[in-house]
């Protein structure tokens, strides 16, 4: 059983989010982003709108960055996620950003993904403006990697707006 505070958010989720932010607070340029998207791309899935916020830390190793975030859908399903992404420049102002990380997921009437522990993989195409802001389109898959009895998974896409932070 996952222990929660009154908000319903798993305690481990708050701790994971806090720890994921620590390296980025030290130095370097990171990003804060907000996104909105659509979950349930398969014909038999529910159609749910989602809102998300993310933090990208500075790049300590080549193009690799840590990230952490929180996402919720219109029914109150949500997830804390953290992991690593590769911020790969394609040329000009375009970037390709694959990402992967574990997710603490709570179910509230939307997608029942089988376990509180899920994994999120994604691919984003982003355009960087001269002022450093980025606009991106990402596609993501969330599943429990067959660790549970059920592994339905869910696909989603999101539009992102990210702001550089010093």
N, C-alpha and C. Protein backbone atom coordinates (compact mmCIF):
# COMPACT_ATOMS: atom_id res chain seq x y z
N UNK A 1 0.84 -1.18 0.00
CA UNK A 1 0.00 0.00 0.00
C UNK A 1 0.89 1.25 0.00
N UNK A 2 0.52 2.20 -0.83
CA UNK A 2 1.26 3.46 -0.91
C UNK A 2 0.70 4.41 0.14
N UNK A 3 1.56 4.95 1.00
CA UNK A 3 1.13 5.89 2.04
C UNK A 3 1.04 7.28 1.44
N UNK A 4 -0.04 7.98 1.77
CA UNK A 4 -0.24 9.31 1.21
C UNK A 4 -0.50 10.32 2.32
N UNK A 5 -0.35 11.60 1.99
CA UNK A 5 -0.76 12.68 2.86
C UNK A 5 -2.21 13.02 2.52
N UNK A 6 -2.79 14.00 3.16
CA UNK A 6 -4.19 14.37 2.93
C UNK A 6 -4.48 14.71 1.48
N UNK A 7 -3.50 15.18 0.75
CA UNK A 7 -3.70 15.55 -0.65
C UNK A 7 -3.91 14.33 -1.54
N UNK A 8 -3.60 13.12 -1.04
CA UNK A 8 -3.70 11.92 -1.85
C UNK A 8 -2.44 11.64 -2.63
N UNK A 9 -1.44 12.51 -2.54
CA UNK A 9 -0.19 12.34 -3.26
C UNK A 9 0.72 11.42 -2.45
N UNK A 10 1.29 10.39 -3.09
CA UNK A 10 2.19 9.49 -2.35
C UNK A 10 3.36 10.24 -1.73
N UNK A 11 3.68 9.90 -0.49
CA UNK A 11 4.81 10.55 0.20
C UNK A 11 6.10 10.38 -0.57
N UNK A 12 6.28 9.20 -1.15
CA UNK A 12 7.50 8.93 -1.90
C UNK A 12 7.60 9.85 -3.12
N UNK A 13 6.46 10.26 -3.66
CA UNK A 13 6.45 11.16 -4.81
C UNK A 13 7.00 12.52 -4.47
N UNK A 14 6.59 13.07 -3.32
CA UNK A 14 7.12 14.37 -2.90
C UNK A 14 8.62 14.29 -2.68
N UNK A 15 9.07 13.21 -2.04
CA UNK A 15 10.49 13.04 -1.78
C UNK A 15 11.27 12.91 -3.09
N UNK A 16 10.76 12.10 -4.02
CA UNK A 16 11.45 11.92 -5.31
C UNK A 16 11.54 13.25 -6.06
N UNK A 17 10.48 14.02 -6.05
CA UNK A 17 10.48 15.31 -6.74
C UNK A 17 11.50 16.26 -6.12
N UNK A 18 11.53 16.32 -4.79
CA UNK A 18 12.48 17.18 -4.09
C UNK A 18 13.91 16.78 -4.42
N UNK A 19 14.21 15.48 -4.35
CA UNK A 19 15.58 15.02 -4.62
C UNK A 19 15.98 15.25 -6.07
N UNK A 20 15.02 15.13 -7.00
CA UNK A 20 15.34 15.35 -8.41
C UNK A 20 15.67 16.81 -8.70
N UNK A 21 15.10 17.74 -7.93
CA UNK A 21 15.35 19.15 -8.15
C UNK A 21 16.68 19.62 -7.57
N UNK A 22 17.21 18.94 -6.57
CA UNK A 22 18.41 19.42 -5.89
C UNK A 22 19.60 19.68 -6.81
N UNK A 23 19.98 18.73 -7.71
CA UNK A 23 21.16 19.01 -8.53
C UNK A 23 21.01 20.26 -9.39
N UNK A 24 19.81 20.52 -9.89
CA UNK A 24 19.60 21.67 -10.76
C UNK A 24 19.64 22.99 -10.03
N UNK A 25 19.41 22.99 -8.75
CA UNK A 25 19.43 24.24 -8.00
C UNK A 25 20.86 24.73 -7.76
N UNK A 26 21.83 23.86 -7.95
CA UNK A 26 23.22 24.21 -7.66
C UNK A 26 23.78 25.19 -8.69
N UNK A 27 23.72 24.84 -9.96
CA UNK A 27 24.32 25.70 -10.98
C UNK A 27 23.88 25.25 -12.36
N UNK A 28 24.11 26.11 -13.34
CA UNK A 28 23.82 25.77 -14.72
C UNK A 28 22.42 26.18 -15.14
N UNK A 29 22.16 26.07 -16.43
CA UNK A 29 20.87 26.46 -16.98
C UNK A 29 19.94 25.26 -17.05
N UNK A 30 18.76 25.43 -16.55
CA UNK A 30 17.73 24.42 -16.65
C UNK A 30 16.51 25.01 -17.31
N UNK A 31 15.42 24.29 -17.29
CA UNK A 31 14.16 24.73 -17.87
C UNK A 31 13.01 24.39 -16.94
N UNK A 32 12.03 25.26 -16.93
CA UNK A 32 10.73 24.98 -16.31
C UNK A 32 9.74 24.94 -17.47
N UNK A 33 8.90 23.92 -17.48
CA UNK A 33 7.96 23.80 -18.58
C UNK A 33 6.57 23.46 -18.13
N UNK A 34 5.61 23.84 -18.96
CA UNK A 34 4.23 23.45 -18.73
C UNK A 34 3.70 22.90 -20.05
N UNK A 35 2.85 21.89 -19.89
CA UNK A 35 2.32 21.26 -21.08
C UNK A 35 0.89 20.82 -20.91
N UNK A 36 0.24 20.65 -22.03
CA UNK A 36 -1.10 20.09 -22.03
C UNK A 36 -1.16 19.08 -23.16
N UNK A 37 -1.96 18.06 -22.95
CA UNK A 37 -2.00 17.02 -23.96
C UNK A 37 -3.23 16.15 -23.85
N UNK A 38 -3.14 15.04 -24.53
CA UNK A 38 -4.25 14.13 -24.69
C UNK A 38 -3.74 12.72 -24.42
N UNK A 39 -4.41 12.01 -23.55
CA UNK A 39 -4.03 10.63 -23.24
C UNK A 39 -5.12 9.70 -23.74
N UNK A 40 -4.73 8.53 -24.23
CA UNK A 40 -5.68 7.55 -24.72
C UNK A 40 -5.74 7.53 -26.22
N UNK A 41 -4.62 7.27 -26.87
CA UNK A 41 -4.56 7.31 -28.32
C UNK A 41 -5.08 6.04 -28.99
N UNK A 42 -5.21 4.94 -28.23
CA UNK A 42 -5.74 3.71 -28.81
C UNK A 42 -7.26 3.78 -28.87
N UNK A 43 -7.88 3.10 -29.84
CA UNK A 43 -9.34 3.20 -30.01
C UNK A 43 -10.16 2.77 -28.78
N UNK A 44 -9.68 1.82 -28.00
CA UNK A 44 -10.44 1.33 -26.85
C UNK A 44 -10.12 2.07 -25.55
N UNK A 45 -9.27 3.09 -25.59
CA UNK A 45 -8.89 3.86 -24.40
C UNK A 45 -9.90 4.97 -24.12
N UNK A 46 -9.92 5.42 -22.85
CA UNK A 46 -10.64 6.62 -22.50
C UNK A 46 -9.94 7.82 -23.14
N UNK A 47 -10.68 8.88 -23.41
CA UNK A 47 -10.10 10.11 -23.91
C UNK A 47 -9.98 11.08 -22.75
N UNK A 48 -8.75 11.42 -22.35
CA UNK A 48 -8.54 12.30 -21.20
C UNK A 48 -7.56 13.41 -21.54
N UNK A 49 -7.89 14.61 -21.10
CA UNK A 49 -6.99 15.76 -21.23
C UNK A 49 -6.07 15.77 -20.02
N UNK A 50 -4.83 16.11 -20.23
CA UNK A 50 -3.86 16.14 -19.13
C UNK A 50 -3.15 17.48 -19.09
N UNK A 51 -2.69 17.85 -17.90
CA UNK A 51 -1.85 19.02 -17.68
C UNK A 51 -0.60 18.55 -16.96
N UNK A 52 0.55 19.10 -17.33
CA UNK A 52 1.81 18.68 -16.72
C UNK A 52 2.73 19.86 -16.51
N UNK A 53 3.62 19.70 -15.55
CA UNK A 53 4.70 20.64 -15.32
C UNK A 53 5.99 19.86 -15.18
N UNK A 54 7.07 20.39 -15.71
CA UNK A 54 8.36 19.70 -15.65
C UNK A 54 9.48 20.66 -15.31
N UNK A 55 10.50 20.11 -14.72
CA UNK A 55 11.76 20.80 -14.51
C UNK A 55 12.84 19.99 -15.20
N UNK A 56 13.66 20.65 -16.01
CA UNK A 56 14.85 20.04 -16.59
C UNK A 56 16.05 20.66 -15.92
N UNK A 57 16.89 19.83 -15.36
CA UNK A 57 18.10 20.33 -14.73
C UNK A 57 19.17 20.66 -15.74
N UNK A 58 20.27 21.27 -15.29
CA UNK A 58 21.39 21.55 -16.19
C UNK A 58 22.00 20.24 -16.67
N UNK A 59 22.77 20.32 -17.73
CA UNK A 59 23.35 19.14 -18.34
C UNK A 59 24.73 18.84 -17.75
N UNK A 60 24.80 17.91 -16.78
CA UNK A 60 26.10 17.63 -16.16
C UNK A 60 27.00 16.74 -17.01
N UNK A 61 26.43 15.93 -17.89
CA UNK A 61 27.21 15.00 -18.72
C UNK A 61 26.78 15.16 -20.16
N UNK A 62 27.61 15.77 -20.94
CA UNK A 62 27.41 15.95 -22.37
C UNK A 62 26.04 16.54 -22.62
N UNK A 63 25.09 15.85 -23.21
CA UNK A 63 23.75 16.36 -23.53
C UNK A 63 22.68 15.78 -22.62
N UNK A 64 23.10 15.00 -21.63
CA UNK A 64 22.17 14.33 -20.73
C UNK A 64 21.73 15.28 -19.62
N UNK A 65 20.42 15.32 -19.37
CA UNK A 65 19.86 16.18 -18.32
C UNK A 65 18.95 15.36 -17.41
N UNK A 66 18.91 15.68 -16.12
CA UNK A 66 17.88 15.10 -15.26
C UNK A 66 16.58 15.87 -15.45
N UNK A 67 15.46 15.18 -15.23
CA UNK A 67 14.18 15.87 -15.27
C UNK A 67 13.26 15.32 -14.19
N UNK A 68 12.28 16.12 -13.81
CA UNK A 68 11.26 15.69 -12.84
C UNK A 68 9.99 16.47 -13.16
N UNK A 69 8.86 15.87 -12.84
CA UNK A 69 7.62 16.56 -13.12
C UNK A 69 6.41 15.94 -12.46
N UNK A 70 5.30 16.59 -12.69
CA UNK A 70 4.01 16.17 -12.17
C UNK A 70 3.00 16.32 -13.28
N UNK A 71 2.17 15.30 -13.48
CA UNK A 71 1.11 15.38 -14.48
C UNK A 71 -0.20 14.89 -13.88
N UNK A 72 -1.30 15.50 -14.31
CA UNK A 72 -2.63 15.08 -13.85
C UNK A 72 -3.60 15.15 -15.02
N UNK A 73 -4.60 14.25 -15.00
CA UNK A 73 -5.63 14.31 -16.02
C UNK A 73 -6.92 14.87 -15.42
N UNK A 74 -7.93 14.99 -16.23
CA UNK A 74 -9.17 15.64 -15.81
C UNK A 74 -9.94 14.87 -14.74
N UNK A 75 -9.65 13.59 -14.55
CA UNK A 75 -10.32 12.79 -13.51
C UNK A 75 -9.54 12.75 -12.20
N UNK A 76 -8.34 13.34 -12.19
CA UNK A 76 -7.53 13.34 -10.97
C UNK A 76 -6.49 12.24 -10.92
N UNK A 77 -6.37 11.43 -11.98
CA UNK A 77 -5.24 10.50 -12.05
C UNK A 77 -3.99 11.36 -12.16
N UNK A 78 -2.90 10.89 -11.59
CA UNK A 78 -1.70 11.71 -11.66
C UNK A 78 -0.44 10.90 -11.51
N UNK A 79 0.68 11.57 -11.74
CA UNK A 79 1.96 10.90 -11.67
C UNK A 79 3.06 11.89 -11.34
N UNK A 80 3.98 11.45 -10.50
CA UNK A 80 5.28 12.10 -10.33
C UNK A 80 6.24 11.30 -11.17
N UNK A 81 7.05 11.97 -11.94
CA UNK A 81 8.02 11.26 -12.76
C UNK A 81 9.37 11.97 -12.68
N UNK A 82 10.41 11.20 -12.83
CA UNK A 82 11.77 11.74 -12.82
C UNK A 82 12.62 10.79 -13.64
N UNK A 83 13.69 11.30 -14.19
CA UNK A 83 14.55 10.44 -14.99
C UNK A 83 15.62 11.24 -15.69
N UNK A 84 15.98 10.76 -16.88
CA UNK A 84 17.02 11.40 -17.67
C UNK A 84 16.52 11.61 -19.09
N UNK A 85 17.01 12.67 -19.71
CA UNK A 85 16.68 12.95 -21.10
C UNK A 85 17.94 13.34 -21.84
N UNK A 86 17.92 13.16 -23.13
CA UNK A 86 19.03 13.53 -23.99
C UNK A 86 18.57 14.73 -24.82
N UNK A 87 19.17 15.88 -24.60
CA UNK A 87 18.79 17.13 -25.26
C UNK A 87 19.65 17.29 -26.52
N UNK A 88 19.26 16.61 -27.60
CA UNK A 88 20.09 16.48 -28.79
C UNK A 88 19.76 17.55 -29.84
N UNK A 89 20.73 18.42 -30.17
CA UNK A 89 20.49 19.44 -31.20
C UNK A 89 20.49 18.82 -32.60
N UNK A 90 19.45 19.15 -33.38
CA UNK A 90 19.35 18.64 -34.74
C UNK A 90 19.96 19.60 -35.77
N UNK A 91 20.20 20.82 -35.36
CA UNK A 91 20.69 21.85 -36.28
C UNK A 91 19.72 23.01 -36.24
N UNK A 92 20.27 24.18 -36.47
CA UNK A 92 19.44 25.37 -36.35
C UNK A 92 18.95 25.48 -34.92
N UNK A 93 17.69 25.66 -34.74
CA UNK A 93 17.11 25.78 -33.40
C UNK A 93 16.28 24.56 -33.02
N UNK A 94 16.42 23.47 -33.71
CA UNK A 94 15.61 22.28 -33.47
C UNK A 94 16.34 21.28 -32.58
N UNK A 95 15.58 20.63 -31.69
CA UNK A 95 16.12 19.63 -30.76
C UNK A 95 15.25 18.38 -30.77
N UNK A 96 15.88 17.24 -30.65
CA UNK A 96 15.19 15.96 -30.47
C UNK A 96 15.50 15.50 -29.05
N UNK A 97 14.45 15.17 -28.28
CA UNK A 97 14.63 14.92 -26.86
C UNK A 97 13.99 13.58 -26.46
N UNK A 98 14.75 12.46 -26.52
CA UNK A 98 14.24 11.22 -25.94
C UNK A 98 14.41 11.25 -24.42
N UNK A 99 13.47 10.61 -23.71
CA UNK A 99 13.53 10.60 -22.24
C UNK A 99 13.03 9.27 -21.70
N UNK A 100 13.47 8.97 -20.47
CA UNK A 100 13.02 7.75 -19.80
C UNK A 100 13.15 7.95 -18.29
N UNK A 101 12.18 7.41 -17.54
CA UNK A 101 12.28 7.47 -16.09
C UNK A 101 11.14 6.76 -15.39
N UNK A 102 11.35 6.43 -14.12
CA UNK A 102 10.29 5.81 -13.32
C UNK A 102 9.22 6.83 -12.95
N UNK A 103 8.05 6.33 -12.69
CA UNK A 103 6.88 7.16 -12.39
C UNK A 103 6.12 6.58 -11.22
N UNK A 104 5.71 7.42 -10.28
CA UNK A 104 4.79 7.03 -9.22
C UNK A 104 3.41 7.50 -9.63
N UNK A 105 2.52 6.56 -9.90
CA UNK A 105 1.22 6.84 -10.50
C UNK A 105 0.09 6.55 -9.52
N UNK A 106 -0.90 7.43 -9.46
CA UNK A 106 -2.10 7.13 -8.68
C UNK A 106 -3.32 7.21 -9.58
N UNK A 107 -4.22 6.26 -9.36
CA UNK A 107 -5.42 6.05 -10.18
C UNK A 107 -6.63 6.64 -9.46
N UNK A 108 -7.43 7.42 -10.18
CA UNK A 108 -8.60 8.06 -9.57
C UNK A 108 -9.80 8.02 -10.52
N UNK A 109 -9.93 6.97 -11.30
CA UNK A 109 -11.08 6.83 -12.18
C UNK A 109 -10.74 6.84 -13.66
N UNK A 110 -9.53 7.18 -14.01
CA UNK A 110 -9.11 7.18 -15.41
C UNK A 110 -8.47 5.85 -15.77
N UNK A 111 -7.22 5.91 -16.17
CA UNK A 111 -6.51 4.70 -16.59
C UNK A 111 -6.04 3.90 -15.38
N UNK A 112 -6.40 2.62 -15.33
CA UNK A 112 -5.87 1.71 -14.31
C UNK A 112 -4.68 1.01 -14.94
N UNK A 113 -3.49 1.45 -14.58
CA UNK A 113 -2.27 0.95 -15.22
C UNK A 113 -1.67 -0.26 -14.51
N UNK A 114 -2.31 -0.74 -13.46
CA UNK A 114 -1.88 -1.99 -12.85
C UNK A 114 -1.06 -1.85 -11.59
N UNK A 115 -0.17 -0.89 -11.51
CA UNK A 115 0.71 -0.72 -10.35
C UNK A 115 0.95 0.77 -10.09
N UNK A 116 1.34 1.14 -8.88
CA UNK A 116 1.76 2.53 -8.64
C UNK A 116 3.11 2.84 -9.31
N UNK A 117 3.95 1.83 -9.49
CA UNK A 117 5.24 2.02 -10.16
C UNK A 117 5.06 1.80 -11.65
N UNK A 118 5.32 2.84 -12.42
CA UNK A 118 5.24 2.79 -13.88
C UNK A 118 6.54 3.35 -14.45
N UNK A 119 6.69 3.25 -15.75
CA UNK A 119 7.85 3.81 -16.43
C UNK A 119 7.36 4.64 -17.60
N UNK A 120 7.96 5.81 -17.76
CA UNK A 120 7.56 6.75 -18.81
C UNK A 120 8.70 6.90 -19.80
N UNK A 121 8.42 6.62 -21.06
CA UNK A 121 9.40 6.88 -22.12
C UNK A 121 8.77 7.86 -23.10
N UNK A 122 9.60 8.72 -23.66
CA UNK A 122 9.05 9.73 -24.55
C UNK A 122 10.03 10.21 -25.58
N UNK A 123 9.47 10.91 -26.54
CA UNK A 123 10.26 11.53 -27.60
C UNK A 123 9.60 12.87 -27.92
N UNK A 124 10.40 13.94 -27.86
CA UNK A 124 9.89 15.29 -28.11
C UNK A 124 10.69 15.95 -29.22
N UNK A 125 10.00 16.67 -30.08
CA UNK A 125 10.64 17.52 -31.07
C UNK A 125 10.37 18.95 -30.62
N UNK A 126 11.44 19.74 -30.43
CA UNK A 126 11.29 21.08 -29.87
C UNK A 126 12.01 22.12 -30.73
N UNK A 127 11.44 23.32 -30.72
CA UNK A 127 12.02 24.46 -31.40
C UNK A 127 12.40 25.50 -30.34
N UNK A 128 13.63 26.00 -30.41
CA UNK A 128 14.11 26.98 -29.43
C UNK A 128 14.10 28.38 -30.06
N UNK A 129 13.43 29.30 -29.39
CA UNK A 129 13.41 30.69 -29.84
C UNK A 129 14.72 31.37 -29.45
N UNK A 130 14.95 32.56 -29.99
CA UNK A 130 16.19 33.30 -29.69
C UNK A 130 16.33 33.61 -28.21
N UNK A 131 15.22 33.81 -27.51
CA UNK A 131 15.27 34.12 -26.08
C UNK A 131 15.42 32.87 -25.21
N UNK A 132 15.56 31.69 -25.83
CA UNK A 132 15.76 30.45 -25.10
C UNK A 132 14.49 29.68 -24.79
N UNK A 133 13.32 30.30 -24.95
CA UNK A 133 12.08 29.57 -24.74
C UNK A 133 11.96 28.48 -25.80
N UNK A 134 11.32 27.38 -25.40
CA UNK A 134 11.15 26.26 -26.32
C UNK A 134 9.68 25.89 -26.43
N UNK A 135 9.32 25.51 -27.63
CA UNK A 135 8.00 24.93 -27.88
C UNK A 135 8.23 23.54 -28.43
N UNK A 136 7.50 22.56 -27.90
CA UNK A 136 7.73 21.20 -28.33
C UNK A 136 6.46 20.38 -28.42
N UNK A 137 6.55 19.31 -29.18
CA UNK A 137 5.49 18.31 -29.30
C UNK A 137 6.10 16.98 -28.90
N UNK A 138 5.53 16.35 -27.88
CA UNK A 138 6.07 15.10 -27.38
C UNK A 138 5.05 13.97 -27.44
N UNK A 139 5.53 12.75 -27.65
CA UNK A 139 4.71 11.55 -27.55
C UNK A 139 5.33 10.68 -26.46
N UNK A 140 4.46 10.03 -25.66
CA UNK A 140 4.93 9.30 -24.49
C UNK A 140 4.19 7.98 -24.35
N UNK A 141 4.85 7.03 -23.73
CA UNK A 141 4.25 5.75 -23.37
C UNK A 141 4.52 5.53 -21.89
N UNK A 142 3.48 5.17 -21.14
CA UNK A 142 3.61 4.88 -19.71
C UNK A 142 3.09 3.47 -19.48
N UNK A 143 3.91 2.63 -18.85
CA UNK A 143 3.49 1.26 -18.52
C UNK A 143 4.33 0.75 -17.36
N UNK A 144 3.93 -0.42 -16.82
CA UNK A 144 4.66 -0.98 -15.69
C UNK A 144 5.69 -2.01 -16.11
N UNK A 145 5.99 -2.12 -17.40
CA UNK A 145 7.04 -3.01 -17.92
C UNK A 145 6.80 -4.47 -17.53
N UNK A 146 5.53 -4.86 -17.47
CA UNK A 146 5.14 -6.24 -17.12
C UNK A 146 5.57 -6.66 -15.72
N UNK A 147 5.71 -5.70 -14.80
CA UNK A 147 6.03 -6.05 -13.42
C UNK A 147 4.79 -6.49 -12.65
N UNK A 148 3.62 -6.16 -13.13
CA UNK A 148 2.37 -6.52 -12.46
C UNK A 148 1.61 -7.58 -13.24
N UNK A 149 0.45 -7.98 -12.70
CA UNK A 149 -0.41 -8.95 -13.38
C UNK A 149 -1.00 -8.37 -14.65
N UNK A 150 -1.20 -7.06 -14.65
CA UNK A 150 -1.74 -6.35 -15.80
C UNK A 150 -0.76 -5.28 -16.23
N UNK A 151 -0.68 -5.06 -17.54
CA UNK A 151 0.19 -4.01 -18.07
C UNK A 151 -0.48 -3.35 -19.27
N UNK A 152 -1.59 -2.63 -19.04
CA UNK A 152 -2.28 -2.05 -20.18
C UNK A 152 -1.52 -0.91 -20.85
N UNK A 153 -0.78 -0.13 -20.08
CA UNK A 153 -0.05 1.00 -20.63
C UNK A 153 -0.99 2.05 -21.22
N UNK A 154 -0.43 3.19 -21.50
CA UNK A 154 -1.19 4.27 -22.13
C UNK A 154 -0.23 5.12 -22.96
N UNK A 155 -0.74 5.60 -24.10
CA UNK A 155 0.03 6.50 -24.94
C UNK A 155 -0.60 7.89 -24.85
N UNK A 156 0.25 8.90 -24.98
CA UNK A 156 -0.25 10.27 -24.91
C UNK A 156 0.65 11.18 -25.73
N UNK A 157 0.12 12.35 -26.07
CA UNK A 157 0.94 13.38 -26.67
C UNK A 157 0.72 14.67 -25.91
N UNK A 158 1.69 15.57 -25.99
CA UNK A 158 1.59 16.84 -25.25
C UNK A 158 2.29 17.95 -26.02
N UNK A 159 1.76 19.15 -25.89
CA UNK A 159 2.39 20.37 -26.38
C UNK A 159 3.06 21.04 -25.18
N UNK A 160 4.32 21.46 -25.34
CA UNK A 160 5.11 22.00 -24.24
C UNK A 160 5.56 23.41 -24.52
N UNK A 161 5.64 24.19 -23.46
CA UNK A 161 6.24 25.53 -23.49
C UNK A 161 7.23 25.55 -22.34
N UNK A 162 8.50 25.76 -22.64
CA UNK A 162 9.55 25.72 -21.63
C UNK A 162 10.30 27.06 -21.57
N UNK A 163 10.66 27.42 -20.34
CA UNK A 163 11.37 28.68 -20.08
C UNK A 163 12.74 28.36 -19.50
N UNK A 164 13.81 28.99 -20.01
CA UNK A 164 15.13 28.77 -19.40
C UNK A 164 15.20 29.45 -18.03
N UNK A 165 15.88 28.79 -17.11
CA UNK A 165 16.16 29.37 -15.80
C UNK A 165 17.66 29.32 -15.58
N UNK A 166 18.25 30.38 -15.05
CA UNK A 166 19.71 30.41 -14.86
C UNK A 166 20.15 29.52 -13.71
